[in-house]
């Protein structure tokens, strides 16, 4: 009977945590913590035939949302409208997290 009581208490505590998560989601808090722990600077570059050109963060987030796909390229993320095209955006994880925090929802495959 004692084991059953412990299981019920654990299940009740779990139910309370789930109910709190419905009222106040923990997702944004966890995302902010990951962003704050990353010590690097947000970087965004656009690659053309002339080379890499730095793009401001706010403009970059808007452009990333319009790209067809984003894939990991080593430690950076490469976003493009055509995989065979020589033009693409190259961003770091800090900028991708910043864009997602601001609601741009850039997906990486």
PDB file of N, CA and C in Angstrom:
ATOM      1  N   UNK A   1       0.813  -1.185   0.000  1.00  0.00           N
ATOM      2  CA  UNK A   1       0.000   0.000   0.000  1.00  0.00           C
ATOM      3  C   UNK A   1       0.866   1.263   0.000  1.00  0.00           C
ATOM      4  N   UNK A   2       2.042   1.244   0.620  1.00  0.00           N
ATOM      5  CA  UNK A   2       2.928   2.402   0.677  1.00  0.00           C
ATOM      6  C   UNK A   2       3.475   2.772  -0.695  1.00  0.00           C
ATOM      7  N   UNK A   3       3.769   1.763  -1.531  1.00  0.00           N
ATOM      8  CA  UNK A   3       4.298   2.002  -2.874  1.00  0.00           C
ATOM      9  C   UNK A   3       3.247   2.681  -3.749  1.00  0.00           C
ATOM     10  N   UNK A   4       2.018   2.253  -3.623  1.00  0.00           N
ATOM     11  CA  UNK A   4       0.928   2.834  -4.400  1.00  0.00           C
ATOM     12  C   UNK A   4       0.717   4.303  -4.031  1.00  0.00           C
ATOM     13  N   UNK A   5       0.880   4.622  -2.757  1.00  0.00           N
ATOM     14  CA  UNK A   5       0.728   6.004  -2.294  1.00  0.00           C
ATOM     15  C   UNK A   5       1.826   6.894  -2.883  1.00  0.00           C
ATOM     16  N   UNK A   6       3.054   6.383  -2.952  1.00  0.00           N
ATOM     17  CA  UNK A   6       4.179   7.131  -3.525  1.00  0.00           C
ATOM     18  C   UNK A   6       3.948   7.380  -5.015  1.00  0.00           C
ATOM     19  N   UNK A   7       3.485   6.370  -5.732  1.00  0.00           N
ATOM     20  CA  UNK A   7       3.197   6.508  -7.166  1.00  0.00           C
ATOM     21  C   UNK A   7       2.111   7.562  -7.376  1.00  0.00           C
ATOM     22  N   UNK A   8       1.087   7.552  -6.561  1.00  0.00           N
ATOM     23  CA  UNK A   8       0.009   8.537  -6.681  1.00  0.00           C
ATOM     24  C   UNK A   8       0.514   9.954  -6.419  1.00  0.00           C
ATOM     25  N   UNK A   9       1.386  10.105  -5.447  1.00  0.00           N
ATOM     26  CA  UNK A   9       1.944  11.427  -5.147  1.00  0.00           C
ATOM     27  C   UNK A   9       2.792  11.923  -6.316  1.00  0.00           C
ATOM     28  N   UNK A  10       3.606  11.052  -6.883  1.00  0.00           N
ATOM     29  CA  UNK A  10       4.443  11.426  -8.033  1.00  0.00           C
ATOM     30  C   UNK A  10       3.561  11.798  -9.217  1.00  0.00           C
ATOM     31  N   UNK A  11       2.523  11.022  -9.476  1.00  0.00           N
ATOM     32  CA  UNK A  11       1.613  11.329 -10.584  1.00  0.00           C
ATOM     33  C   UNK A  11       0.869  12.644 -10.354  1.00  0.00           C
ATOM     34  N   UNK A  12       0.487  12.926  -9.123  1.00  0.00           N
ATOM     35  CA  UNK A  12      -0.181  14.191  -8.812  1.00  0.00           C
ATOM     36  C   UNK A  12       0.768  15.374  -9.029  1.00  0.00           C
ATOM     37  N   UNK A  13       2.020  15.231  -8.612  1.00  0.00           N
ATOM     38  CA  UNK A  13       3.007  16.298  -8.819  1.00  0.00           C
ATOM     39  C   UNK A  13       3.235  16.527 -10.317  1.00  0.00           C
ATOM     40  N   UNK A  14       3.303  15.453 -11.075  1.00  0.00           N
ATOM     41  CA  UNK A  14       3.475  15.547 -12.522  1.00  0.00           C
ATOM     42  C   UNK A  14       2.273  16.255 -13.164  1.00  0.00           C
ATOM     43  N   UNK A  15       1.075  15.947 -12.700  1.00  0.00           N
ATOM     44  CA  UNK A  15      -0.138  16.583 -13.222  1.00  0.00           C
ATOM     45  C   UNK A  15      -0.131  18.083 -12.925  1.00  0.00           C
ATOM     46  N   UNK A  16       0.348  18.460 -11.734  1.00  0.00           N
ATOM     47  CA  UNK A  16       0.424  19.880 -11.377  1.00  0.00           C
ATOM     48  C   UNK A  16       1.421  20.593 -12.289  1.00  0.00           C
ATOM     49  N   UNK A  17       2.578  19.974 -12.570  1.00  0.00           N
ATOM     50  CA  UNK A  17       3.567  20.578 -13.466  1.00  0.00           C
ATOM     51  C   UNK A  17       3.006  20.748 -14.876  1.00  0.00           C
ATOM     52  N   UNK A  18       2.274  19.766 -15.355  1.00  0.00           N
ATOM     53  CA  UNK A  18       1.662  19.876 -16.681  1.00  0.00           C
ATOM     54  C   UNK A  18       0.609  20.980 -16.724  1.00  0.00           C
ATOM     55  N   UNK A  19      -0.172  21.101 -15.656  1.00  0.00           N
ATOM     56  CA  UNK A  19      -1.179  22.163 -15.602  1.00  0.00           C
ATOM     57  C   UNK A  19      -0.510  23.540 -15.568  1.00  0.00           C
ATOM     58  N   UNK A  20       0.581  23.682 -14.819  1.00  0.00           N
ATOM     59  CA  UNK A  20       1.316  24.948 -14.796  1.00  0.00           C
ATOM     60  C   UNK A  20       1.900  25.280 -16.167  1.00  0.00           C
ATOM     61  N   UNK A  21       2.362  24.253 -16.878  1.00  0.00           N
ATOM     62  CA  UNK A  21       2.915  24.461 -18.210  1.00  0.00           C
ATOM     63  C   UNK A  21       1.845  24.931 -19.187  1.00  0.00           C
ATOM     64  N   UNK A  22       0.603  24.502 -18.984  1.00  0.00           N
ATOM     65  CA  UNK A  22      -0.490  24.989 -19.832  1.00  0.00           C
ATOM     66  C   UNK A  22      -0.757  26.469 -19.591  1.00  0.00           C
ATOM     67  N   UNK A  23      -0.689  26.882 -18.325  1.00  0.00           N
ATOM     68  CA  UNK A  23      -0.960  28.269 -17.976  1.00  0.00           C
ATOM     69  C   UNK A  23       0.213  29.195 -18.291  1.00  0.00           C
ATOM     70  N   UNK A  24       1.420  28.703 -18.092  1.00  0.00           N
ATOM     71  CA  UNK A  24       2.622  29.500 -18.305  1.00  0.00           C
ATOM     72  C   UNK A  24       3.689  28.605 -18.954  1.00  0.00           C
ATOM     73  N   UNK A  25       3.694  28.509 -20.297  1.00  0.00           N
ATOM     74  CA  UNK A  25       4.614  27.592 -20.980  1.00  0.00           C
ATOM     75  C   UNK A  25       6.072  27.848 -20.638  1.00  0.00           C
ATOM     76  N   UNK A  26       6.806  26.756 -20.462  1.00  0.00           N
ATOM     77  CA  UNK A  26       8.215  26.845 -20.109  1.00  0.00           C
ATOM     78  C   UNK A  26       9.113  26.937 -21.330  1.00  0.00           C
ATOM     79  N   UNK A  27       8.588  26.670 -22.531  1.00  0.00           N
ATOM     80  CA  UNK A  27       9.376  26.685 -23.752  1.00  0.00           C
ATOM     81  C   UNK A  27      10.147  27.973 -23.976  1.00  0.00           C
ATOM     82  N   UNK A  28       9.496  29.144 -23.948  1.00  0.00           N
ATOM     83  CA  UNK A  28      10.235  30.387 -24.148  1.00  0.00           C
ATOM     84  C   UNK A  28      11.301  30.634 -23.088  1.00  0.00           C
ATOM     85  N   UNK A  29      11.046  30.202 -21.854  1.00  0.00           N
ATOM     86  CA  UNK A  29      12.052  30.378 -20.803  1.00  0.00           C
ATOM     87  C   UNK A  29      13.293  29.553 -21.105  1.00  0.00           C
ATOM     88  N   UNK A  30      13.108  28.325 -21.566  1.00  0.00           N
ATOM     89  CA  UNK A  30      14.240  27.468 -21.891  1.00  0.00           C
ATOM     90  C   UNK A  30      14.991  28.026 -23.091  1.00  0.00           C
ATOM     91  N   UNK A  31      14.263  28.543 -24.082  1.00  0.00           N
ATOM     92  CA  UNK A  31      14.904  29.131 -25.258  1.00  0.00           C
ATOM     93  C   UNK A  31      15.726  30.355 -24.901  1.00  0.00           C
ATOM     94  N   UNK A  32      15.209  31.182 -24.012  1.00  0.00           N
ATOM     95  CA  UNK A  32      15.954  32.361 -23.572  1.00  0.00           C
ATOM     96  C   UNK A  32      17.209  31.966 -22.820  1.00  0.00           C
ATOM     97  N   UNK A  33      17.150  30.899 -22.046  1.00  0.00           N
ATOM     98  CA  UNK A  33      18.320  30.448 -21.292  1.00  0.00           C
ATOM     99  C   UNK A  33      19.409  29.964 -22.242  1.00  0.00           C
ATOM    100  N   UNK A  34      19.036  29.204 -23.264  1.00  0.00           N
ATOM    101  CA  UNK A  34      20.018  28.711 -24.239  1.00  0.00           C
ATOM    102  C   UNK A  34      20.656  29.889 -24.966  1.00  0.00           C
ATOM    103  N   UNK A  35      19.839  30.871 -25.353  1.00  0.00           N
ATOM    104  CA  UNK A  35      20.357  32.054 -26.040  1.00  0.00           C
ATOM    105  C   UNK A  35      21.319  32.826 -25.141  1.00  0.00           C
ATOM    106  N   UNK A  36      20.974  32.993 -23.877  1.00  0.00           N
ATOM    107  CA  UNK A  36      21.805  33.759 -22.951  1.00  0.00           C
ATOM    108  C   UNK A  36      23.127  33.057 -22.656  1.00  0.00           C
ATOM    109  N   UNK A  37      23.142  31.734 -22.670  1.00  0.00           N
ATOM    110  CA  UNK A  37      24.363  30.988 -22.363  1.00  0.00           C
ATOM    111  C   UNK A  37      25.349  30.965 -23.529  1.00  0.00           C
ATOM    112  N   UNK A  38      24.891  31.241 -24.743  1.00  0.00           N
ATOM    113  CA  UNK A  38      25.768  31.263 -25.912  1.00  0.00           C
ATOM    114  C   UNK A  38      26.550  32.572 -25.906  1.00  0.00           C
ATOM    115  N   UNK A  39      27.863  32.484 -25.746  1.00  0.00           N
ATOM    116  CA  UNK A  39      28.700  33.679 -25.602  1.00  0.00           C
ATOM    117  C   UNK A  39      29.085  34.309 -26.939  1.00  0.00           C
ATOM    118  N   UNK A  40      28.820  33.653 -28.056  1.00  0.00           N
ATOM    119  CA  UNK A  40      29.222  34.192 -29.358  1.00  0.00           C
ATOM    120  C   UNK A  40      28.330  35.359 -29.781  1.00  0.00           C
ATOM    121  N   UNK A  41      28.797  36.108 -30.747  1.00  0.00           N
ATOM    122  CA  UNK A  41      28.025  37.209 -31.309  1.00  0.00           C
ATOM    123  C   UNK A  41      27.178  36.686 -32.469  1.00  0.00           C
ATOM    124  N   UNK A  42      25.944  37.187 -32.649  1.00  0.00           N
ATOM    125  CA  UNK A  42      25.135  36.762 -33.793  1.00  0.00           C
ATOM    126  C   UNK A  42      25.776  37.255 -35.101  1.00  0.00           C
ATOM    127  N   UNK A  43      25.934  36.343 -36.050  1.00  0.00           N
ATOM    128  CA  UNK A  43      26.562  36.696 -37.321  1.00  0.00           C
ATOM    129  C   UNK A  43      25.713  36.210 -38.480  1.00  0.00           C
ATOM    130  N   UNK A  44      25.592  37.055 -39.498  1.00  0.00           N
ATOM    131  CA  UNK A  44      24.870  36.710 -40.713  1.00  0.00           C
ATOM    132  C   UNK A  44      25.650  37.228 -41.908  1.00  0.00           C
ATOM    133  N   UNK A  45      25.898  36.343 -42.858  1.00  0.00           N
ATOM    134  CA  UNK A  45      26.605  36.718 -44.083  1.00  0.00           C
ATOM    135  C   UNK A  45      25.826  36.216 -45.285  1.00  0.00           C
ATOM    136  N   UNK A  46      25.895  36.983 -46.360  1.00  0.00           N
ATOM    137  CA  UNK A  46      25.284  36.577 -47.622  1.00  0.00           C
ATOM    138  C   UNK A  46      26.409  36.305 -48.602  1.00  0.00           C
ATOM    139  N   UNK A  47      26.408  35.110 -49.183  1.00  0.00           N
ATOM    140  CA  UNK A  47      27.457  34.715 -50.109  1.00  0.00           C
ATOM    141  C   UNK A  47      27.017  34.959 -51.547  1.00  0.00           C
ATOM    142  N   UNK A  48      27.819  35.696 -52.292  1.00  0.00           N
ATOM    143  CA  UNK A  48      27.595  35.919 -53.718  1.00  0.00           C
ATOM    144  C   UNK A  48      28.892  35.601 -54.447  1.00  0.00           C
ATOM    145  N   UNK A  49      28.905  35.819 -55.746  1.00  0.00           N
ATOM    146  CA  UNK A  49      30.122  35.597 -56.523  1.00  0.00           C
ATOM    147  C   UNK A  49      31.250  36.525 -56.053  1.00  0.00           C
ATOM    148  N   UNK A  50      30.882  37.682 -55.509  1.00  0.00           N
ATOM    149  CA  UNK A  50      31.880  38.641 -55.024  1.00  0.00           C
ATOM    150  C   UNK A  50      32.434  38.272 -53.649  1.00  0.00           C
ATOM    151  N   UNK A  51      31.828  37.306 -52.967  1.00  0.00           N
ATOM    152  CA  UNK A  51      32.293  36.894 -51.648  1.00  0.00           C
ATOM    153  C   UNK A  51      31.232  37.092 -50.579  1.00  0.00           C
ATOM    154  N   UNK A  52      31.644  36.934 -49.325  1.00  0.00           N
ATOM    155  CA  UNK A  52      30.715  37.074 -48.200  1.00  0.00           C
ATOM    156  C   UNK A  52      30.500  38.542 -47.860  1.00  0.00           C
ATOM    157  N   UNK A  53      29.233  38.896 -47.629  1.00  0.00           N
ATOM    158  CA  UNK A  53      28.874  40.258 -47.248  1.00  0.00           C
ATOM    159  C   UNK A  53      28.068  40.179 -45.956  1.00  0.00           C
ATOM    160  N   UNK A  54      28.431  40.964 -44.955  1.00  0.00           N
ATOM    161  CA  UNK A  54      27.726  40.927 -43.666  1.00  0.00           C
ATOM    162  C   UNK A  54      26.363  41.623 -43.795  1.00  0.00           C
ATOM    163  N   UNK A  55      25.340  41.004 -43.177  1.00  0.00           N
ATOM    164  CA  UNK A  55      23.971  41.506 -43.217  1.00  0.00           C
ATOM    165  C   UNK A  55      23.537  41.817 -41.781  1.00  0.00           C
ATOM    166  N   UNK A  56      22.820  42.924 -41.541  1.00  0.00           N
ATOM    167  CA  UNK A  56      22.308  43.212 -40.186  1.00  0.00           C
ATOM    168  C   UNK A  56      21.355  42.114 -39.709  1.00  0.00           C
ATOM    169  N   UNK A  57      21.345  41.869 -38.410  1.00  0.00           N
ATOM    170  CA  UNK A  57      20.568  40.773 -37.827  1.00  0.00           C
ATOM    171  C   UNK A  57      19.080  40.859 -38.133  1.00  0.00           C
ATOM    172  N   UNK A  58      18.485  42.047 -37.996  1.00  0.00           N
ATOM    173  CA  UNK A  58      17.045  42.155 -38.209  1.00  0.00           C
ATOM    174  C   UNK A  58      16.663  41.870 -39.659  1.00  0.00           C
ATOM    175  N   UNK A  59      17.448  42.339 -40.597  1.00  0.00           N
ATOM    176  CA  UNK A  59      17.179  42.059 -42.013  1.00  0.00           C
ATOM    177  C   UNK A  59      17.438  40.587 -42.321  1.00  0.00           C
ATOM    178  N   UNK A  60      18.422  40.024 -41.673  1.00  0.00           N
ATOM    179  CA  UNK A  60      18.774  38.630 -41.920  1.00  0.00           C
ATOM    180  C   UNK A  60      17.648  37.695 -41.487  1.00  0.00           C
ATOM    181  N   UNK A  61      17.055  37.934 -40.333  1.00  0.00           N
ATOM    182  CA  UNK A  61      15.959  37.083 -39.861  1.00  0.00           C
ATOM    183  C   UNK A  61      14.798  37.098 -40.845  1.00  0.00           C
ATOM    184  N   UNK A  62      14.485  38.267 -41.369  1.00  0.00           N
ATOM    185  CA  UNK A  62      13.406  38.383 -42.350  1.00  0.00           C
ATOM    186  C   UNK A  62      13.740  37.597 -43.614  1.00  0.00           C
ATOM    187  N   UNK A  63      14.972  37.678 -44.074  1.00  0.00           N
ATOM    188  CA  UNK A  63      15.394  36.964 -45.284  1.00  0.00           C
ATOM    189  C   UNK A  63      15.455  35.454 -45.067  1.00  0.00           C
ATOM    190  N   UNK A  64      15.902  35.023 -43.886  1.00  0.00           N
ATOM    191  CA  UNK A  64      15.986  33.582 -43.601  1.00  0.00           C
ATOM    192  C   UNK A  64      14.615  32.928 -43.662  1.00  0.00           C
ATOM    193  N   UNK A  65      13.604  33.649 -43.204  1.00  0.00           N
ATOM    194  CA  UNK A  65      12.250  33.107 -43.214  1.00  0.00           C
ATOM    195  C   UNK A  65      11.767  32.843 -44.639  1.00  0.00           C
ATOM    196  N   UNK A  66      12.289  33.578 -45.606  1.00  0.00           N
ATOM    197  CA  UNK A  66      11.858  33.448 -46.990  1.00  0.00           C
ATOM    198  C   UNK A  66      12.637  32.395 -47.771  1.00  0.00           C
ATOM    199  N   UNK A  67      13.640  31.792 -47.169  1.00  0.00           N
ATOM    200  CA  UNK A  67      14.458  30.810 -47.863  1.00  0.00           C
ATOM    201  C   UNK A  67      13.753  29.459 -47.907  1.00  0.00           C
ATOM    202  N   UNK A  68      14.114  28.662 -48.912  1.00  0.00           N
ATOM    203  CA  UNK A  68      13.499  27.349 -49.110  1.00  0.00           C
ATOM    204  C   UNK A  68      13.925  26.355 -48.032  1.00  0.00           C
ATOM    205  N   UNK A  69      15.206  26.348 -47.694  1.00  0.00           N
ATOM    206  CA  UNK A  69      15.711  25.373 -46.726  1.00  0.00           C
ATOM    207  C   UNK A  69      16.931  25.925 -46.000  1.00  0.00           C
ATOM    208  N   UNK A  70      17.155  25.393 -44.803  1.00  0.00           N
ATOM    209  CA  UNK A  70      18.349  25.702 -44.022  1.00  0.00           C
ATOM    210  C   UNK A  70      18.949  24.375 -43.566  1.00  0.00           C
ATOM    211  N   UNK A  71      20.254  24.217 -43.770  1.00  0.00           N
ATOM    212  CA  UNK A  71      20.949  22.994 -43.367  1.00  0.00           C
ATOM    213  C   UNK A  71      22.203  23.367 -42.594  1.00  0.00           C
ATOM    214  N   UNK A  72      22.651  22.456 -41.759  1.00  0.00           N
ATOM    215  CA  UNK A  72      23.878  22.682 -40.993  1.00  0.00           C
ATOM    216  C   UNK A  72      25.075  22.498 -41.920  1.00  0.00           C
ATOM    217  N   UNK A  73      26.020  23.436 -41.815  1.00  0.00           N
ATOM    218  CA  UNK A  73      27.273  23.370 -42.581  1.00  0.00           C
ATOM    219  C   UNK A  73      28.407  23.537 -41.578  1.00  0.00           C
ATOM    220  N   UNK A  74      28.765  22.449 -40.927  1.00  0.00           N
ATOM    221  CA  UNK A  74      29.764  22.516 -39.859  1.00  0.00           C
ATOM    222  C   UNK A  74      29.151  23.160 -38.635  1.00  0.00           C
ATOM    223  N   UNK A  75      29.749  24.241 -38.170  1.00  0.00           N
ATOM    224  CA  UNK A  75      29.210  24.941 -37.001  1.00  0.00           C
ATOM    225  C   UNK A  75      28.202  26.013 -37.397  1.00  0.00           C
ATOM    226  N   UNK A  76      28.099  26.310 -38.688  1.00  0.00           N
ATOM    227  CA  UNK A  76      27.183  27.340 -39.175  1.00  0.00           C
ATOM    228  C   UNK A  76      25.952  26.725 -39.816  1.00  0.00           C
ATOM    229  N   UNK A  77      24.999  27.574 -40.163  1.00  0.00           N
ATOM    230  CA  UNK A  77      23.767  27.145 -40.836  1.00  0.00           C
ATOM    231  C   UNK A  77      23.715  27.850 -42.185  1.00  0.00           C
ATOM    232  N   UNK A  78      23.457  27.077 -43.231  1.00  0.00           N
ATOM    233  CA  UNK A  78      23.396  27.602 -44.597  1.00  0.00           C
ATOM    234  C   UNK A  78      21.942  27.595 -45.042  1.00  0.00           C
ATOM    235  N   UNK A  79      21.407  28.754 -45.440  1.00  0.00           N
ATOM    236  CA  UNK A  79      20.025  28.877 -45.886  1.00  0.00           C
ATOM    237  C   UNK A  79      20.015  29.352 -47.335  1.00  0.00           C
ATOM    238  N   UNK A  80      19.179  28.724 -48.150  1.00  0.00           N
ATOM    239  CA  UNK A  80      19.187  29.004 -49.585  1.00  0.00           C
ATOM    240  C   UNK A  80      17.815  28.776 -50.187  1.00  0.00           C
ATOM    241  N   UNK A  81      17.607  29.360 -51.376  1.00  0.00           N
ATOM    242  CA  UNK A  81      16.382  29.109 -52.137  1.00  0.00           C
ATOM    243  C   UNK A  81      16.609  28.002 -53.151  1.00  0.00           C
ATOM    244  N   UNK A  82      17.853  27.809 -53.579  1.00  0.00           N
ATOM    245  CA  UNK A  82      18.199  26.729 -54.503  1.00  0.00           C
ATOM    246  C   UNK A  82      19.542  26.153 -54.080  1.00  0.00           C
ATOM    247  N   UNK A  83      19.584  24.855 -53.891  1.00  0.00           N
ATOM    248  CA  UNK A  83      20.814  24.216 -53.411  1.00  0.00           C
ATOM    249  C   UNK A  83      21.957  24.366 -54.412  1.00  0.00           C
ATOM    250  N   UNK A  84      21.633  24.413 -55.701  1.00  0.00           N
ATOM    251  CA  UNK A  84      22.668  24.514 -56.720  1.00  0.00           C
ATOM    252  C   UNK A  84      23.132  25.959 -56.943  1.00  0.00           C
ATOM    253  N   UNK A  85      22.396  26.909 -56.394  1.00  0.00           N
ATOM    254  CA  UNK A  85      22.755  28.321 -56.554  1.00  0.00           C
ATOM    255  C   UNK A  85      23.986  28.647 -55.727  1.00  0.00           C
ATOM    256  N   UNK A  86      24.776  29.573 -56.189  1.00  0.00           N
ATOM    257  CA  UNK A  86      25.969  29.993 -55.456  1.00  0.00           C
ATOM    258  C   UNK A  86      25.670  31.052 -54.408  1.00  0.00           C
ATOM    259  N   UNK A  87      24.415  31.515 -54.340  1.00  0.00           N
ATOM    260  CA  UNK A  87      24.057  32.528 -53.351  1.00  0.00           C
ATOM    261  C   UNK A  87      23.316  31.875 -52.191  1.00  0.00           C
ATOM    262  N   UNK A  88      23.711  32.215 -50.991  1.00  0.00           N
ATOM    263  CA  UNK A  88      23.077  31.667 -49.798  1.00  0.00           C
ATOM    264  C   UNK A  88      23.430  32.521 -48.591  1.00  0.00           C
ATOM    265  N   UNK A  89      22.671  32.354 -47.529  1.00  0.00           N
ATOM    266  CA  UNK A  89      22.942  33.014 -46.254  1.00  0.00           C
ATOM    267  C   UNK A  89      23.692  32.037 -45.367  1.00  0.00           C
ATOM    268  N   UNK A  90      24.693  32.534 -44.671  1.00  0.00           N
ATOM    269  CA  UNK A  90      25.472  31.731 -43.733  1.00  0.00           C
ATOM    270  C   UNK A  90      25.370  32.405 -42.370  1.00  0.00           C
ATOM    271  N   UNK A  91      24.743  31.716 -41.405  1.00  0.00           N
ATOM    272  CA  UNK A  91      24.515  32.289 -40.077  1.00  0.00           C
ATOM    273  C   UNK A  91      25.054  31.345 -39.011  1.00  0.00           C
ATOM    274  N   UNK A  92      25.295  31.884 -37.824  1.00  0.00           N
ATOM    275  CA  UNK A  92      25.710  31.032 -36.713  1.00  0.00           C
ATOM    276  C   UNK A  92      24.497  30.681 -35.843  1.00  0.00           C
ATOM    277  N   UNK A  93      24.696  29.796 -34.910  1.00  0.00           N
ATOM    278  CA  UNK A  93      23.607  29.318 -34.050  1.00  0.00           C
ATOM    279  C   UNK A  93      23.011  30.442 -33.207  1.00  0.00           C
ATOM    280  N   UNK A  94      23.824  31.398 -32.797  1.00  0.00           N
ATOM    281  CA  UNK A  94      23.344  32.518 -31.977  1.00  0.00           C
ATOM    282  C   UNK A  94      22.316  33.343 -32.754  1.00  0.00           C
ATOM    283  N   UNK A  95      22.583  33.619 -34.042  1.00  0.00           N
ATOM    284  CA  UNK A  95      21.641  34.404 -34.826  1.00  0.00           C
ATOM    285  C   UNK A  95      20.368  33.596 -35.083  1.00  0.00           C
ATOM    286  N   UNK A  96      20.506  32.308 -35.331  1.00  0.00           N
ATOM    287  CA  UNK A  96      19.323  31.464 -35.547  1.00  0.00           C
ATOM    288  C   UNK A  96      18.443  31.453 -34.305  1.00  0.00           C
ATOM    289  N   UNK A  97      19.048  31.363 -33.121  1.00  0.00           N
ATOM    290  CA  UNK A  97      18.288  31.402 -31.869  1.00  0.00           C
ATOM    291  C   UNK A  97      17.615  32.759 -31.691  1.00  0.00           C
ATOM    292  N   UNK A  98      18.313  33.844 -32.042  1.00  0.00           N
ATOM    293  CA  UNK A  98      17.743  35.182 -31.956  1.00  0.00           C
ATOM    294  C   UNK A  98      16.523  35.309 -32.876  1.00  0.00           C
ATOM    295  N   UNK A  99      16.641  34.815 -34.101  1.00  0.00           N
ATOM    296  CA  UNK A  99      15.516  34.870 -35.044  1.00  0.00           C
ATOM    297  C   UNK A  99      14.314  34.094 -34.499  1.00  0.00           C
ATOM    298  N   UNK A 100      14.558  32.923 -33.956  1.00  0.00           N
ATOM    299  CA  UNK A 100      13.464  32.114 -33.417  1.00  0.00           C
ATOM    300  C   UNK A 100      12.850  32.762 -32.187  1.00  0.00           C
ATOM    301  N   UNK A 101      13.656  33.422 -31.347  1.00  0.00           N
ATOM    302  CA  UNK A 101      13.111  34.135 -30.189  1.00  0.00           C
ATOM    303  C   UNK A 101      12.218  35.298 -30.606  1.00  0.00           C
ATOM    304  N   UNK A 102      12.567  35.914 -31.721  1.00  0.00           N
ATOM    305  CA  UNK A 102      11.788  37.052 -32.216  1.00  0.00           C
ATOM    306  C   UNK A 102      10.562  36.618 -33.032  1.00  0.00           C
ATOM    307  N   UNK A 103      10.358  35.305 -33.171  1.00  0.00           N
ATOM    308  CA  UNK A 103       9.147  34.800 -33.804  1.00  0.00           C
ATOM    309  C   UNK A 103       9.250  34.505 -35.289  1.00  0.00           C
ATOM    310  N   UNK A 104      10.457  34.445 -35.834  1.00  0.00           N
ATOM    311  CA  UNK A 104      10.612  34.158 -37.256  1.00  0.00           C
ATOM    312  C   UNK A 104      10.513  32.665 -37.574  1.00  0.00           C
ATOM    313  N   UNK A 105      10.711  31.806 -36.590  1.00  0.00           N
ATOM    314  CA  UNK A 105      10.569  30.353 -36.723  1.00  0.00           C
ATOM    315  C   UNK A 105      11.308  29.777 -37.921  1.00  0.00           C
ATOM    316  N   UNK A 106      12.609  29.973 -37.951  1.00  0.00           N
ATOM    317  CA  UNK A 106      13.450  29.431 -38.997  1.00  0.00           C
ATOM    318  C   UNK A 106      13.745  27.971 -38.664  1.00  0.00           C
ATOM    319  N   UNK A 107      13.418  27.069 -39.572  1.00  0.00           N
ATOM    320  CA  UNK A 107      13.600  25.637 -39.344  1.00  0.00           C
ATOM    321  C   UNK A 107      14.901  25.165 -40.020  1.00  0.00           C
ATOM    322  N   UNK A 108      15.648  24.318 -39.321  1.00  0.00           N
ATOM    323  CA  UNK A 108      16.887  23.749 -39.848  1.00  0.00           C
ATOM    324  C   UNK A 108      16.662  22.259 -40.036  1.00  0.00           C
ATOM    325  N   UNK A 109      16.964  21.779 -41.236  1.00  0.00           N
ATOM    326  CA  UNK A 109      16.795  20.325 -41.488  1.00  0.00           C
ATOM    327  C   UNK A 109      18.114  19.613 -41.429  1.00  0.00           C
TER     328      UNK A 109
END
